[in-house]
Amino acid sequence: MQRLKTRAQFQAVLAGATVARTAHFALHRCALDAQPGATPLFETQVVWLGAMVPKRWARRAVTRNAIKRQIYQVSAASEAFLPPAAHVVRLRSAFDRKEFVSATSDKLKAAVRAELQQLLERAAAARA
């Protein structure tokens, strides 16, 4: 699995279709097809993944980093179910700070992990 790195890569994927949604996350996907004459954004035909965790929805850097780590770990475990395309997992709403008091609690990590697994299952079901 390759990681998205450039702004152009993220913009291309976000311009693509939203494949699946959960309460807190959205999964965007775009094909790896390069337009003739243009420099390709994606060199290889494998699964590409990026994570977007805006400060608007996760104020603490510790929380943002913990969520990104969970995104990459769960996605790597589910790589076989994802087609060779570029994907972005985007946090689209905040986790309740009253319920998850600690910035990086085990309870928050478990909730994020469960919801990400649900998101990837929905994406796999939409693909089939």
C-alpha atoms as a PDB file:
ATOM      1  CA  MET A   1       0.000   0.000   0.000  1.00  0.00           C
ATOM      2  CA  GLN A   2       1.321   3.420  -0.988  1.00  0.00           C
ATOM      3  CA  ARG A   3       0.531   6.630   0.876  1.00  0.00           C
ATOM      4  CA  LEU A   4      -0.698   9.807  -0.756  1.00  0.00           C
ATOM      5  CA  LYS A   5       1.787  12.604  -0.244  1.00  0.00           C
ATOM      6  CA  THR A   6       1.092  15.591  -2.493  1.00  0.00           C
ATOM      7  CA  ARG A   7      -1.711  18.093  -2.455  1.00  0.00           C
ATOM      8  CA  ALA A   8      -2.523  17.244  -6.078  1.00  0.00           C
ATOM      9  CA  GLN A   9      -2.999  13.574  -5.179  1.00  0.00           C
ATOM     10  CA  PHE A  10      -5.382  14.426  -2.329  1.00  0.00           C
ATOM     11  CA  GLN A  11      -7.331  16.873  -4.517  1.00  0.00           C
ATOM     12  CA  ALA A  12      -7.695  14.311  -7.297  1.00  0.00           C
ATOM     13  CA  VAL A  13      -9.086  11.702  -4.904  1.00  0.00           C
ATOM     14  CA  LEU A  14     -11.436  14.123  -3.152  1.00  0.00           C
ATOM     15  CA  ALA A  15     -12.810  15.136  -6.557  1.00  0.00           C
ATOM     16  CA  GLY A  16     -13.718  11.476  -7.100  1.00  0.00           C
ATOM     17  CA  ALA A  17     -16.699   9.625  -5.729  1.00  0.00           C
ATOM     18  CA  THR A  18     -17.571   9.109  -2.080  1.00  0.00           C
ATOM     19  CA  VAL A  19     -17.751   5.328  -1.801  1.00  0.00           C
ATOM     20  CA  ALA A  20     -18.836   4.848   1.826  1.00  0.00           C
ATOM     21  CA  ARG A  21     -19.783   6.858   4.904  1.00  0.00           C
ATOM     22  CA  THR A  22     -20.164   6.263   8.605  1.00  0.00           C
ATOM     23  CA  ALA A  23     -21.096   8.647  11.403  1.00  0.00           C
ATOM     24  CA  HIS A  24     -17.589  10.112  11.592  1.00  0.00           C
ATOM     25  CA  PHE A  25     -15.765   9.073   8.409  1.00  0.00           C
ATOM     26  CA  ALA A  26     -16.095   9.189   4.626  1.00  0.00           C
ATOM     27  CA  LEU A  27     -14.119   7.130   2.109  1.00  0.00           C
ATOM     28  CA  HIS A  28     -13.318   8.768  -1.232  1.00  0.00           C
ATOM     29  CA  ARG A  29     -11.959   6.864  -4.219  1.00  0.00           C
ATOM     30  CA  CYS A  30     -10.648   7.709  -7.662  1.00  0.00           C
ATOM     31  CA  ALA A  31      -9.250   5.541 -10.440  1.00  0.00           C
ATOM     32  CA  LEU A  32      -5.529   5.556 -11.152  1.00  0.00           C
ATOM     33  CA  ASP A  33      -5.971   6.311 -14.862  1.00  0.00           C
ATOM     34  CA  ALA A  34      -3.568   8.960 -16.109  1.00  0.00           C
ATOM     35  CA  GLN A  35      -4.751  11.373 -18.744  1.00  0.00           C
ATOM     36  CA  PRO A  36      -2.758  11.225 -21.994  1.00  0.00           C
ATOM     37  CA  GLY A  37       0.117  13.696 -22.046  1.00  0.00           C
ATOM     38  CA  ALA A  38      -0.177  14.530 -18.352  1.00  0.00           C
ATOM     39  CA  THR A  39       2.311  13.495 -15.714  1.00  0.00           C
ATOM     40  CA  PRO A  40       0.767  10.670 -13.700  1.00  0.00           C
ATOM     41  CA  LEU A  41      -0.069  11.387 -10.075  1.00  0.00           C
ATOM     42  CA  PHE A  42       0.186   7.717  -9.145  1.00  0.00           C
ATOM     43  CA  GLU A  43       3.184   5.763 -10.461  1.00  0.00           C
ATOM     44  CA  THR A  44       2.082   2.198  -9.745  1.00  0.00           C
ATOM     45  CA  GLN A  45      -1.209   0.355 -10.052  1.00  0.00           C
ATOM     46  CA  VAL A  46      -1.603  -0.552  -6.365  1.00  0.00           C
ATOM     47  CA  VAL A  47      -3.778   0.626  -3.496  1.00  0.00           C
ATOM     48  CA  TRP A  48      -3.009   4.215  -2.514  1.00  0.00           C
ATOM     49  CA  LEU A  49      -4.264   5.643   0.776  1.00  0.00           C
ATOM     50  CA  GLY A  50      -4.382   9.036   2.422  1.00  0.00           C
ATOM     51  CA  ALA A  51      -5.851  10.198   5.716  1.00  0.00           C
ATOM     52  CA  MET A  52      -7.441  13.598   6.338  1.00  0.00           C
ATOM     53  CA  VAL A  53      -8.132  14.528   9.934  1.00  0.00           C
ATOM     54  CA  PRO A  54      -8.964  18.249  10.011  1.00  0.00           C
ATOM     55  CA  LYS A  55      -8.229  20.334  13.067  1.00  0.00           C
ATOM     56  CA  ARG A  56     -11.853  21.433  12.934  1.00  0.00           C
ATOM     57  CA  TRP A  57     -12.993  17.943  13.998  1.00  0.00           C
ATOM     58  CA  ALA A  58     -10.048  16.876  16.186  1.00  0.00           C
ATOM     59  CA  ARG A  59      -8.597  19.873  18.002  1.00  0.00           C
ATOM     60  CA  ARG A  60      -5.681  18.150  19.729  1.00  0.00           C
ATOM     61  CA  ALA A  61      -2.673  17.077  17.662  1.00  0.00           C
ATOM     62  CA  VAL A  62      -2.388  13.935  19.791  1.00  0.00           C
ATOM     63  CA  THR A  63      -5.923  12.949  18.817  1.00  0.00           C
ATOM     64  CA  ARG A  64      -5.367  13.711  15.123  1.00  0.00           C
ATOM     65  CA  ASN A  65      -2.207  11.600  15.057  1.00  0.00           C
ATOM     66  CA  ALA A  66      -3.863   8.727  16.922  1.00  0.00           C
ATOM     67  CA  ILE A  67      -6.781   8.717  14.461  1.00  0.00           C
ATOM     68  CA  LYS A  68      -4.397   8.774  11.477  1.00  0.00           C
ATOM     69  CA  ARG A  69      -2.443   5.844  12.900  1.00  0.00           C
ATOM     70  CA  GLN A  70      -5.688   3.887  13.298  1.00  0.00           C
ATOM     71  CA  ILE A  71      -6.690   4.722   9.707  1.00  0.00           C
ATOM     72  CA  TYR A  72      -3.412   3.410   8.306  1.00  0.00           C
ATOM     73  CA  GLN A  73      -3.382   0.273  10.510  1.00  0.00           C
ATOM     74  CA  VAL A  74      -6.969  -0.754   9.778  1.00  0.00           C
ATOM     75  CA  SER A  75      -6.570  -0.011   6.066  1.00  0.00           C
ATOM     76  CA  ALA A  76      -3.357  -2.029   5.833  1.00  0.00           C
ATOM     77  CA  ALA A  77      -5.145  -4.987   7.414  1.00  0.00           C
ATOM     78  CA  SER A  78      -8.002  -4.602   4.887  1.00  0.00           C
ATOM     79  CA  GLU A  79      -5.816  -3.943   1.846  1.00  0.00           C
ATOM     80  CA  ALA A  80      -6.943  -7.168   0.136  1.00  0.00           C
ATOM     81  CA  PHE A  81     -10.531  -5.897   0.042  1.00  0.00           C
ATOM     82  CA  LEU A  82      -9.644  -2.559  -1.570  1.00  0.00           C
ATOM     83  CA  PRO A  83      -9.317  -2.277  -5.359  1.00  0.00           C
ATOM     84  CA  PRO A  84      -6.159  -0.802  -6.916  1.00  0.00           C
ATOM     85  CA  ALA A  85      -7.206   2.828  -6.743  1.00  0.00           C
ATOM     86  CA  ALA A  86      -6.467   5.944  -4.733  1.00  0.00           C
ATOM     87  CA  HIS A  87      -8.427   6.285  -1.469  1.00  0.00           C
ATOM     88  CA  VAL A  88      -8.790   9.011   1.143  1.00  0.00           C
ATOM     89  CA  VAL A  89     -10.355   8.393   4.529  1.00  0.00           C
ATOM     90  CA  ARG A  90     -11.669  11.728   5.794  1.00  0.00           C
ATOM     91  CA  LEU A  91     -12.871  12.553   9.299  1.00  0.00           C
ATOM     92  CA  ARG A  92     -16.148  14.403   8.780  1.00  0.00           C
ATOM     93  CA  SER A  93     -17.388  14.986  12.322  1.00  0.00           C
ATOM     94  CA  ALA A  94     -15.929  15.201  15.805  1.00  0.00           C
ATOM     95  CA  PHE A  95     -15.915  12.481  18.419  1.00  0.00           C
ATOM     96  CA  ASP A  96     -17.722  13.679  21.557  1.00  0.00           C
ATOM     97  CA  ARG A  97     -15.159  15.068  24.012  1.00  0.00           C
ATOM     98  CA  LYS A  98     -17.525  14.388  26.917  1.00  0.00           C
ATOM     99  CA  GLU A  99     -17.520  10.679  26.078  1.00  0.00           C
ATOM    100  CA  PHE A 100     -13.825  10.502  25.139  1.00  0.00           C
ATOM    101  CA  VAL A 101     -12.175  12.753  27.716  1.00  0.00           C
ATOM    102  CA  SER A 102      -8.614  11.630  27.106  1.00  0.00           C
ATOM    103  CA  ALA A 103      -7.007  12.749  23.846  1.00  0.00           C
ATOM    104  CA  THR A 104      -5.719   9.269  23.050  1.00  0.00           C
ATOM    105  CA  SER A 105      -7.618   6.816  25.259  1.00  0.00           C
ATOM    106  CA  ASP A 106      -8.013   3.134  24.491  1.00  0.00           C
ATOM    107  CA  LYS A 107     -11.760   3.724  24.360  1.00  0.00           C
ATOM    108  CA  LEU A 108     -11.343   6.331  21.603  1.00  0.00           C
ATOM    109  CA  LYS A 109      -8.958   4.101  19.648  1.00  0.00           C
ATOM    110  CA  ALA A 110     -11.396   1.179  19.871  1.00  0.00           C
ATOM    111  CA  ALA A 111     -14.299   3.354  18.690  1.00  0.00           C
ATOM    112  CA  VAL A 112     -12.253   4.710  15.777  1.00  0.00           C
ATOM    113  CA  ARG A 113     -11.050   1.231  14.830  1.00  0.00           C
ATOM    114  CA  ALA A 114     -14.576  -0.245  14.906  1.00  0.00           C
ATOM    115  CA  GLU A 115     -15.979   2.557  12.782  1.00  0.00           C
ATOM    116  CA  LEU A 116     -13.124   2.308  10.262  1.00  0.00           C
ATOM    117  CA  GLN A 117     -13.724  -1.434   9.901  1.00  0.00           C
ATOM    118  CA  GLN A 118     -17.388  -0.698   9.291  1.00  0.00           C
ATOM    119  CA  LEU A 119     -16.439   1.932   6.680  1.00  0.00           C
ATOM    120  CA  LEU A 120     -14.168  -0.465   4.793  1.00  0.00           C
ATOM    121  CA  GLU A 121     -16.818  -3.217   4.923  1.00  0.00           C
ATOM    122  CA  ARG A 122     -19.332  -0.835   3.381  1.00  0.00           C
ATOM    123  CA  ALA A 123     -16.824   0.093   0.676  1.00  0.00           C
ATOM    124  CA  ALA A 124     -16.211  -3.596  -0.086  1.00  0.00           C
ATOM    125  CA  ALA A 125     -19.973  -4.240  -0.247  1.00  0.00           C
ATOM    126  CA  ALA A 126     -20.428  -1.282  -2.616  1.00  0.00           C
ATOM    127  CA  ARG A 127     -17.684  -2.700  -4.834  1.00  0.00           C
ATOM    128  CA  ALA A 128     -19.343  -6.124  -5.091  1.00  0.00           C
END
